[in-house]
Amino acid sequence: MVTPAVCATPGCGLPAVAVVTTTPARIQIRTDRLADPRTATAWADWLRCWACTTAAVDQHLVTANANTTEETRPR
């Protein structure tokens, strides 16, 4: 029996639905990483449930907006 993938956010424990990775310039959300248990295991640190995926996107947008505002502020 295969154990379902679980969200890697500390204290969450909900079923994982996506792999979420970010860089300062972009965020990537992939759902295909969960199809194969071996692949899900390889990406275990980045597995997220829907709520944590949404939170990661929100945080990324806030950070990107703050960086853009800082870069475009007149000196």
N, C-alpha and C. Protein backbone atom coordinates (compact mmCIF):
# COMPACT_ATOMS: atom_id res chain seq x y z
N MET A 1 0.83 -1.18 0.00
CA MET A 1 0.00 0.00 0.00
C MET A 1 0.88 1.25 0.00
N VAL A 2 0.54 2.21 -0.84
CA VAL A 2 1.31 3.44 -0.96
C VAL A 2 0.73 4.48 -0.01
N THR A 3 1.61 5.10 0.75
CA THR A 3 1.18 6.16 1.66
C THR A 3 0.99 7.45 0.86
N PRO A 4 -0.15 8.12 1.02
CA PRO A 4 -0.37 9.37 0.28
C PRO A 4 0.65 10.44 0.68
N ALA A 5 1.00 11.27 -0.28
CA ALA A 5 1.93 12.37 -0.02
C ALA A 5 1.28 13.37 0.93
N VAL A 6 2.09 13.91 1.82
CA VAL A 6 1.61 14.84 2.84
C VAL A 6 2.34 16.18 2.69
N CYS A 7 1.63 17.26 2.96
CA CYS A 7 2.19 18.61 2.91
C CYS A 7 3.42 18.71 3.81
N ALA A 8 4.48 19.32 3.29
CA ALA A 8 5.73 19.44 4.04
C ALA A 8 5.81 20.69 4.92
N THR A 9 4.78 21.53 4.90
CA THR A 9 4.79 22.70 5.76
C THR A 9 4.73 22.24 7.21
N PRO A 10 5.66 22.72 8.05
CA PRO A 10 5.67 22.29 9.45
C PRO A 10 4.31 22.48 10.13
N GLY A 11 3.83 21.41 10.75
CA GLY A 11 2.57 21.46 11.49
C GLY A 11 1.32 21.28 10.65
N CYS A 12 1.45 21.11 9.33
CA CYS A 12 0.27 21.01 8.48
C CYS A 12 -0.27 19.58 8.45
N GLY A 13 0.39 18.69 7.72
CA GLY A 13 -0.01 17.29 7.66
C GLY A 13 -1.18 16.96 6.76
N LEU A 14 -1.73 17.94 6.03
CA LEU A 14 -2.83 17.67 5.09
C LEU A 14 -2.29 16.98 3.84
N PRO A 15 -3.16 16.32 3.08
CA PRO A 15 -2.70 15.67 1.84
C PRO A 15 -2.10 16.69 0.87
N ALA A 16 -0.98 16.33 0.29
CA ALA A 16 -0.31 17.20 -0.68
C ALA A 16 -1.03 17.16 -2.02
N VAL A 17 -1.09 18.30 -2.69
CA VAL A 17 -1.72 18.38 -4.00
C VAL A 17 -0.78 18.94 -5.06
N ALA A 18 0.35 19.50 -4.63
CA ALA A 18 1.26 20.12 -5.59
C ALA A 18 2.66 20.23 -5.01
N VAL A 19 3.61 20.44 -5.91
CA VAL A 19 4.98 20.79 -5.55
C VAL A 19 5.11 22.28 -5.83
N VAL A 20 5.54 23.03 -4.83
CA VAL A 20 5.66 24.48 -4.98
C VAL A 20 7.11 24.88 -4.77
N THR A 21 7.71 25.48 -5.79
CA THR A 21 9.08 25.99 -5.68
C THR A 21 9.06 27.47 -6.07
N THR A 22 9.94 28.23 -5.44
CA THR A 22 10.00 29.67 -5.73
C THR A 22 11.44 30.11 -5.89
N THR A 23 11.61 31.17 -6.64
CA THR A 23 12.85 31.92 -6.73
C THR A 23 12.41 33.38 -6.59
N PRO A 24 13.34 34.30 -6.42
CA PRO A 24 12.91 35.69 -6.32
C PRO A 24 12.13 36.17 -7.55
N ALA A 25 12.36 35.55 -8.70
CA ALA A 25 11.71 36.01 -9.93
C ALA A 25 10.44 35.25 -10.29
N ARG A 26 10.22 34.04 -9.72
CA ARG A 26 9.04 33.29 -10.14
C ARG A 26 8.63 32.26 -9.10
N ILE A 27 7.41 31.77 -9.28
CA ILE A 27 6.88 30.68 -8.48
C ILE A 27 6.42 29.60 -9.45
N GLN A 28 6.68 28.35 -9.10
CA GLN A 28 6.27 27.25 -9.97
C GLN A 28 5.43 26.27 -9.16
N ILE A 29 4.27 25.92 -9.69
CA ILE A 29 3.36 24.97 -9.04
C ILE A 29 3.15 23.81 -10.00
N ARG A 30 3.52 22.61 -9.56
CA ARG A 30 3.40 21.43 -10.42
C ARG A 30 2.57 20.38 -9.70
N THR A 31 1.58 19.86 -10.38
CA THR A 31 0.78 18.79 -9.81
C THR A 31 1.20 17.42 -10.34
N ASP A 32 1.98 17.39 -11.39
CA ASP A 32 2.40 16.12 -11.99
C ASP A 32 3.43 15.38 -11.14
N ARG A 33 4.02 16.01 -10.18
CA ARG A 33 5.04 15.37 -9.34
C ARG A 33 4.46 14.34 -8.39
N LEU A 34 3.14 14.30 -8.24
CA LEU A 34 2.52 13.39 -7.28
C LEU A 34 2.06 12.09 -7.91
N ALA A 35 2.12 11.98 -9.23
CA ALA A 35 1.60 10.79 -9.92
C ALA A 35 2.39 9.53 -9.58
N ASP A 36 3.68 9.67 -9.41
CA ASP A 36 4.55 8.53 -9.10
C ASP A 36 5.07 8.68 -7.68
N PRO A 37 4.85 7.68 -6.82
CA PRO A 37 5.31 7.78 -5.42
C PRO A 37 6.81 8.06 -5.29
N ARG A 38 7.61 7.53 -6.20
CA ARG A 38 9.07 7.80 -6.13
C ARG A 38 9.36 9.26 -6.41
N THR A 39 8.66 9.84 -7.37
CA THR A 39 8.85 11.25 -7.68
C THR A 39 8.36 12.12 -6.52
N ALA A 40 7.24 11.77 -5.95
CA ALA A 40 6.72 12.53 -4.80
C ALA A 40 7.71 12.49 -3.65
N THR A 41 8.33 11.35 -3.44
CA THR A 41 9.33 11.23 -2.37
C THR A 41 10.53 12.13 -2.66
N ALA A 42 10.96 12.17 -3.92
CA ALA A 42 12.10 13.01 -4.29
C ALA A 42 11.81 14.50 -4.08
N TRP A 43 10.54 14.90 -4.19
CA TRP A 43 10.15 16.30 -4.05
C TRP A 43 9.51 16.56 -2.68
N ALA A 44 9.70 15.69 -1.73
CA ALA A 44 9.00 15.74 -0.43
C ALA A 44 9.11 17.08 0.28
N ASP A 45 10.24 17.76 0.19
CA ASP A 45 10.42 19.03 0.90
C ASP A 45 9.56 20.15 0.34
N TRP A 46 9.07 19.98 -0.88
CA TRP A 46 8.31 21.03 -1.55
C TRP A 46 6.84 20.69 -1.73
N LEU A 47 6.39 19.58 -1.16
CA LEU A 47 4.98 19.19 -1.27
C LEU A 47 4.11 20.12 -0.44
N ARG A 48 2.98 20.54 -1.01
CA ARG A 48 2.08 21.45 -0.30
C ARG A 48 0.62 21.05 -0.53
N CYS A 49 -0.22 21.29 0.48
CA CYS A 49 -1.67 21.14 0.33
C CYS A 49 -2.18 22.40 -0.37
N TRP A 50 -3.49 22.45 -0.66
CA TRP A 50 -4.02 23.65 -1.35
C TRP A 50 -3.85 24.91 -0.51
N ALA A 51 -4.12 24.81 0.79
CA ALA A 51 -4.02 26.01 1.64
C ALA A 51 -2.58 26.53 1.69
N CYS A 52 -1.62 25.64 1.81
CA CYS A 52 -0.22 26.07 1.87
C CYS A 52 0.29 26.52 0.50
N THR A 53 -0.25 25.95 -0.57
CA THR A 53 0.08 26.41 -1.92
C THR A 53 -0.40 27.85 -2.10
N THR A 54 -1.63 28.11 -1.68
CA THR A 54 -2.19 29.46 -1.77
C THR A 54 -1.37 30.44 -0.93
N ALA A 55 -0.98 30.04 0.26
CA ALA A 55 -0.16 30.90 1.13
C ALA A 55 1.19 31.19 0.49
N ALA A 56 1.79 30.20 -0.16
CA ALA A 56 3.08 30.41 -0.84
C ALA A 56 2.94 31.40 -1.98
N VAL A 57 1.87 31.29 -2.75
CA VAL A 57 1.62 32.23 -3.84
C VAL A 57 1.41 33.64 -3.28
N ASP A 58 0.59 33.76 -2.25
CA ASP A 58 0.36 35.07 -1.63
C ASP A 58 1.66 35.70 -1.15
N GLN A 59 2.47 34.91 -0.46
CA GLN A 59 3.75 35.41 0.06
C GLN A 59 4.67 35.84 -1.08
N HIS A 60 4.69 35.04 -2.13
CA HIS A 60 5.53 35.37 -3.28
C HIS A 60 5.09 36.68 -3.92
N LEU A 61 3.79 36.87 -4.08
CA LEU A 61 3.28 38.10 -4.68
C LEU A 61 3.56 39.32 -3.81
N VAL A 62 3.42 39.18 -2.51
CA VAL A 62 3.71 40.29 -1.59
C VAL A 62 5.19 40.65 -1.67
N THR A 63 6.05 39.65 -1.67
CA THR A 63 7.49 39.89 -1.74
C THR A 63 7.86 40.51 -3.09
N ALA A 64 7.31 39.97 -4.17
CA ALA A 64 7.60 40.51 -5.51
C ALA A 64 7.13 41.95 -5.61
N ASN A 65 5.94 42.24 -5.07
CA ASN A 65 5.42 43.60 -5.09
C ASN A 65 6.31 44.54 -4.28
N ALA A 66 6.77 44.10 -3.13
CA ALA A 66 7.64 44.93 -2.30
C ALA A 66 8.96 45.21 -3.01
N ASN A 67 9.51 44.19 -3.68
CA ASN A 67 10.76 44.37 -4.42
C ASN A 67 10.57 45.30 -5.60
N THR A 68 9.46 45.19 -6.31
CA THR A 68 9.18 46.06 -7.45
C THR A 68 9.00 47.49 -6.97
N THR A 69 8.28 47.67 -5.89
CA THR A 69 8.06 49.00 -5.34
C THR A 69 9.39 49.62 -4.93
N GLU A 70 10.25 48.84 -4.30
CA GLU A 70 11.55 49.32 -3.86
C GLU A 70 12.42 49.70 -5.06
N GLU A 71 12.37 48.90 -6.11
CA GLU A 71 13.20 49.15 -7.30
C GLU A 71 12.73 50.36 -8.10
N THR A 72 11.44 50.66 -8.05
CA THR A 72 10.90 51.75 -8.86
C THR A 72 10.73 53.04 -8.07
N ARG A 73 11.06 53.02 -6.79
CA ARG A 73 10.93 54.22 -5.96
C ARG A 73 11.96 55.27 -6.41
N PRO A 74 11.54 56.51 -6.58
CA PRO A 74 12.49 57.57 -6.97
C PRO A 74 13.57 57.75 -5.90
N ARG A 75 14.72 58.06 -6.36
CA ARG A 75 15.86 58.24 -5.42
C ARG A 75 16.19 59.70 -5.27
